[in-house]
Amino acid sequence: MEAIRAQRLDVDLEMAEMNAKADAWHAVRDRGFCNHGSAVGHRHPPVREVQRLLEPGQLICTAGCDTVFADENDWYAQLDDPMLNPVPLPGRSTADEGPARAAASGN
């Protein structure tokens, strides 16, 4: 029974960690920024119209912002931390980021 309880605890902890990561993932979009959740790469002949814009090795975000990434490593870096270089979603207001917001609020 102890082994079963330990396995259940492991699963509960893993689920809590995944839920926290999902909450952080969705918070980026809730703030009005793209999380770069999907992308397509260069292809000849192109399957999607946006692929015509790409050079070999490049990828383009298909999650809403059309950011062009230099290569897979660039995309993965921004996928892992979309707020490293935040890209506003078109037509969405964003939470103002950085010192300007703090100065405006008097903090």
C-alpha atoms as a PDB file:
ATOM      1  CA  MET A   1       0.000   0.000   0.000  1.00  0.00           C
ATOM      2  CA  GLU A   2       2.856   2.362   0.780  1.00  0.00           C
ATOM      3  CA  ALA A   3       4.221   1.995  -2.762  1.00  0.00           C
ATOM      4  CA  ILE A   4       0.803   2.802  -4.206  1.00  0.00           C
ATOM      5  CA  ARG A   5       0.513   5.924  -2.029  1.00  0.00           C
ATOM      6  CA  ALA A   6       4.004   7.026  -3.082  1.00  0.00           C
ATOM      7  CA  GLN A   7       3.106   6.571  -6.765  1.00  0.00           C
ATOM      8  CA  ARG A   8      -0.102   8.561  -6.309  1.00  0.00           C
ATOM      9  CA  LEU A   9       1.836  11.352  -4.602  1.00  0.00           C
ATOM     10  CA  ASP A  10       4.334  11.382  -7.482  1.00  0.00           C
ATOM     11  CA  VAL A  11       1.480  11.647  -9.979  1.00  0.00           C
ATOM     12  CA  ASP A  12      -0.197  14.420  -7.961  1.00  0.00           C
ATOM     13  CA  LEU A  13       3.067  16.389  -7.835  1.00  0.00           C
ATOM     14  CA  GLU A  14       3.656  15.897 -11.558  1.00  0.00           C
ATOM     15  CA  MET A  15       0.116  17.048 -12.379  1.00  0.00           C
ATOM     16  CA  ALA A  16       0.490  20.127 -10.153  1.00  0.00           C
ATOM     17  CA  GLU A  17       3.732  21.022 -11.945  1.00  0.00           C
ATOM     18  CA  MET A  18       2.121  20.588 -15.380  1.00  0.00           C
ATOM     19  CA  ASN A  19      -0.875  22.696 -14.314  1.00  0.00           C
ATOM     20  CA  ALA A  20       1.431  25.478 -13.101  1.00  0.00           C
ATOM     21  CA  LYS A  21       3.308  25.438 -16.425  1.00  0.00           C
ATOM     22  CA  ALA A  22       0.025  25.556 -18.349  1.00  0.00           C
ATOM     23  CA  ASP A  23      -1.181  28.482 -16.242  1.00  0.00           C
ATOM     24  CA  ALA A  24       2.049  30.379 -16.992  1.00  0.00           C
ATOM     25  CA  TRP A  25       1.709  29.503 -20.709  1.00  0.00           C
ATOM     26  CA  HIS A  26      -1.831  30.882 -20.881  1.00  0.00           C
ATOM     27  CA  ALA A  27      -0.943  33.949 -18.801  1.00  0.00           C
ATOM     28  CA  VAL A  28       1.326  35.125 -21.632  1.00  0.00           C
ATOM     29  CA  ARG A  29      -1.618  35.176 -24.057  1.00  0.00           C
ATOM     30  CA  ASP A  30      -3.931  36.654 -21.413  1.00  0.00           C
ATOM     31  CA  ARG A  31      -1.480  39.572 -21.151  1.00  0.00           C
ATOM     32  CA  GLY A  32      -1.782  40.065 -24.931  1.00  0.00           C
ATOM     33  CA  PHE A  33       1.490  38.498 -26.054  1.00  0.00           C
ATOM     34  CA  CYS A  34       2.150  35.577 -28.378  1.00  0.00           C
ATOM     35  CA  ASN A  35       3.548  32.405 -26.809  1.00  0.00           C
ATOM     36  CA  HIS A  36       4.768  31.092 -30.204  1.00  0.00           C
ATOM     37  CA  GLY A  37       3.030  27.764 -29.619  1.00  0.00           C
ATOM     38  CA  SER A  38       3.250  26.653 -33.228  1.00  0.00           C
ATOM     39  CA  ALA A  39       5.407  27.400 -36.237  1.00  0.00           C
ATOM     40  CA  VAL A  40       6.126  26.154 -39.742  1.00  0.00           C
ATOM     41  CA  GLY A  41       9.437  26.086 -41.515  1.00  0.00           C
ATOM     42  CA  HIS A  42      10.652  26.785 -45.018  1.00  0.00           C
ATOM     43  CA  ARG A  43       9.518  24.253 -47.577  1.00  0.00           C
ATOM     44  CA  HIS A  44       9.833  24.051 -51.317  1.00  0.00           C
ATOM     45  CA  PRO A  45       7.278  23.902 -52.708  1.00  0.00           C
ATOM     46  CA  PRO A  46       5.395  25.632 -49.895  1.00  0.00           C
ATOM     47  CA  VAL A  47       2.343  23.960 -48.399  1.00  0.00           C
ATOM     48  CA  ARG A  48       1.172  27.138 -46.657  1.00  0.00           C
ATOM     49  CA  GLU A  49       1.222  30.569 -48.218  1.00  0.00           C
ATOM     50  CA  VAL A  50       3.348  32.001 -45.380  1.00  0.00           C
ATOM     51  CA  GLN A  51       6.134  29.575 -46.222  1.00  0.00           C
ATOM     52  CA  ARG A  52       6.815  31.615 -49.355  1.00  0.00           C
ATOM     53  CA  LEU A  53       8.187  34.339 -47.051  1.00  0.00           C
ATOM     54  CA  LEU A  54      10.873  32.093 -45.573  1.00  0.00           C
ATOM     55  CA  GLU A  55      14.467  31.355 -46.433  1.00  0.00           C
ATOM     56  CA  PRO A  56      15.850  27.841 -45.850  1.00  0.00           C
ATOM     57  CA  GLY A  57      16.188  27.185 -42.114  1.00  0.00           C
ATOM     58  CA  GLN A  58      13.740  29.893 -41.032  1.00  0.00           C
ATOM     59  CA  LEU A  59      10.438  29.300 -39.252  1.00  0.00           C
ATOM     60  CA  ILE A  60       7.377  31.515 -38.905  1.00  0.00           C
ATOM     61  CA  CYS A  61       5.017  31.623 -35.938  1.00  0.00           C
ATOM     62  CA  THR A  62       1.524  30.376 -36.732  1.00  0.00           C
ATOM     63  CA  ALA A  63       0.151  31.050 -33.238  1.00  0.00           C
ATOM     64  CA  GLY A  64      -0.891  34.590 -34.074  1.00  0.00           C
ATOM     65  CA  CYS A  65       2.062  36.945 -34.511  1.00  0.00           C
ATOM     66  CA  ASP A  66       3.847  35.844 -37.748  1.00  0.00           C
ATOM     67  CA  THR A  67       7.285  36.360 -36.170  1.00  0.00           C
ATOM     68  CA  VAL A  68      10.047  34.944 -38.372  1.00  0.00           C
ATOM     69  CA  PHE A  69      12.651  32.949 -36.461  1.00  0.00           C
ATOM     70  CA  ALA A  70      16.204  32.560 -37.752  1.00  0.00           C
ATOM     71  CA  ASP A  71      16.195  28.816 -37.098  1.00  0.00           C
ATOM     72  CA  GLU A  72      14.795  26.111 -34.802  1.00  0.00           C
ATOM     73  CA  ASN A  73      17.071  27.162 -31.927  1.00  0.00           C
ATOM     74  CA  ASP A  74      15.718  30.727 -32.106  1.00  0.00           C
ATOM     75  CA  TRP A  75      12.134  29.450 -32.094  1.00  0.00           C
ATOM     76  CA  TYR A  76      12.749  27.048 -29.190  1.00  0.00           C
ATOM     77  CA  ALA A  77      14.412  29.788 -27.124  1.00  0.00           C
ATOM     78  CA  GLN A  78      11.417  32.092 -27.577  1.00  0.00           C
ATOM     79  CA  LEU A  79       8.988  29.196 -27.109  1.00  0.00           C
ATOM     80  CA  ASP A  80      10.634  28.375 -23.770  1.00  0.00           C
ATOM     81  CA  ASP A  81      10.436  32.012 -22.605  1.00  0.00           C
ATOM     82  CA  PRO A  82       8.084  34.105 -24.759  1.00  0.00           C
ATOM     83  CA  MET A  83       8.547  37.111 -22.464  1.00  0.00           C
ATOM     84  CA  LEU A  84      12.285  37.157 -23.198  1.00  0.00           C
ATOM     85  CA  ASN A  85      11.393  39.097 -26.348  1.00  0.00           C
ATOM     86  CA  PRO A  86       7.625  39.755 -26.022  1.00  0.00           C
ATOM     87  CA  VAL A  87       5.660  40.052 -29.253  1.00  0.00           C
ATOM     88  CA  PRO A  88       2.175  41.605 -28.961  1.00  0.00           C
ATOM     89  CA  LEU A  89      -0.676  39.707 -30.553  1.00  0.00           C
ATOM     90  CA  PRO A  90      -2.258  41.745 -33.344  1.00  0.00           C
ATOM     91  CA  GLY A  91      -5.461  43.444 -32.271  1.00  0.00           C
ATOM     92  CA  ARG A  92      -4.922  42.767 -28.554  1.00  0.00           C
ATOM     93  CA  SER A  93      -3.985  45.271 -25.895  1.00  0.00           C
ATOM     94  CA  THR A  94      -0.998  44.272 -23.813  1.00  0.00           C
ATOM     95  CA  ALA A  95      -0.195  44.782 -20.183  1.00  0.00           C
ATOM     96  CA  ASP A  96       2.409  47.523 -20.250  1.00  0.00           C
ATOM     97  CA  GLU A  97       5.742  45.977 -19.316  1.00  0.00           C
ATOM     98  CA  GLY A  98       8.764  47.352 -17.598  1.00  0.00           C
ATOM     99  CA  PRO A  99       9.956  50.518 -15.858  1.00  0.00           C
ATOM    100  CA  ALA A 100       7.573  52.860 -17.674  1.00  0.00           C
ATOM    101  CA  ARG A 101       4.609  51.143 -16.029  1.00  0.00           C
ATOM    102  CA  ALA A 102       6.216  51.277 -12.582  1.00  0.00           C
ATOM    103  CA  ALA A 103       6.993  54.992 -13.010  1.00  0.00           C
ATOM    104  CA  ALA A 104       3.439  55.724 -14.143  1.00  0.00           C
ATOM    105  CA  SER A 105       2.011  53.935 -11.114  1.00  0.00           C
ATOM    106  CA  GLY A 106       4.406  55.716  -8.743  1.00  0.00           C
ATOM    107  CA  ASN A 107       6.293  52.549  -7.719  1.00  0.00           C
END
